[in-house]
């Protein structure tokens, strides 16, 4: 007798928050758990009835301590994972964002460290290739002068 594994969809949203340093180089915010050698972009799950763009802004605020505004949609990534006997197909929607206030010191407990990182270093530090692609798209848009 074969047992089918249940499949469910999952969604989350977040962003690539950027700023230009005094010398004009671009920096982005990364969230990390260095003890696990994990670095990623801020993102999370929508609350019931919450618009996906609001989720992205709320998660950035919670995970980084920064208030931000959306500049432009970057794209979405998807991947599969297993948890508690369920196979999930997860979609993560990302936006390019600019900070409008806040402080990295006010980030929540989910991450040990939240840092501004020069964009070229961010590519090397990010744990997952799909998030590197979102940062690459952000870099492309910023170089095009948006």
Foldseek 3Di string as FASTA:
>chain_A
DDDDQAEDEFEKEAEWEWDAPPVRFIWTKWFAAVVVLAIAGFMDGDDVPDDRVVRHQVSCCQAQQFHKDFDAWQAKDWDWDDDPRHIYIYIYTYTYIYTDDGHRVNHDPPGPDMDIGGLVVCLVSHDDPVRNSSSVSVVVVVVVPD
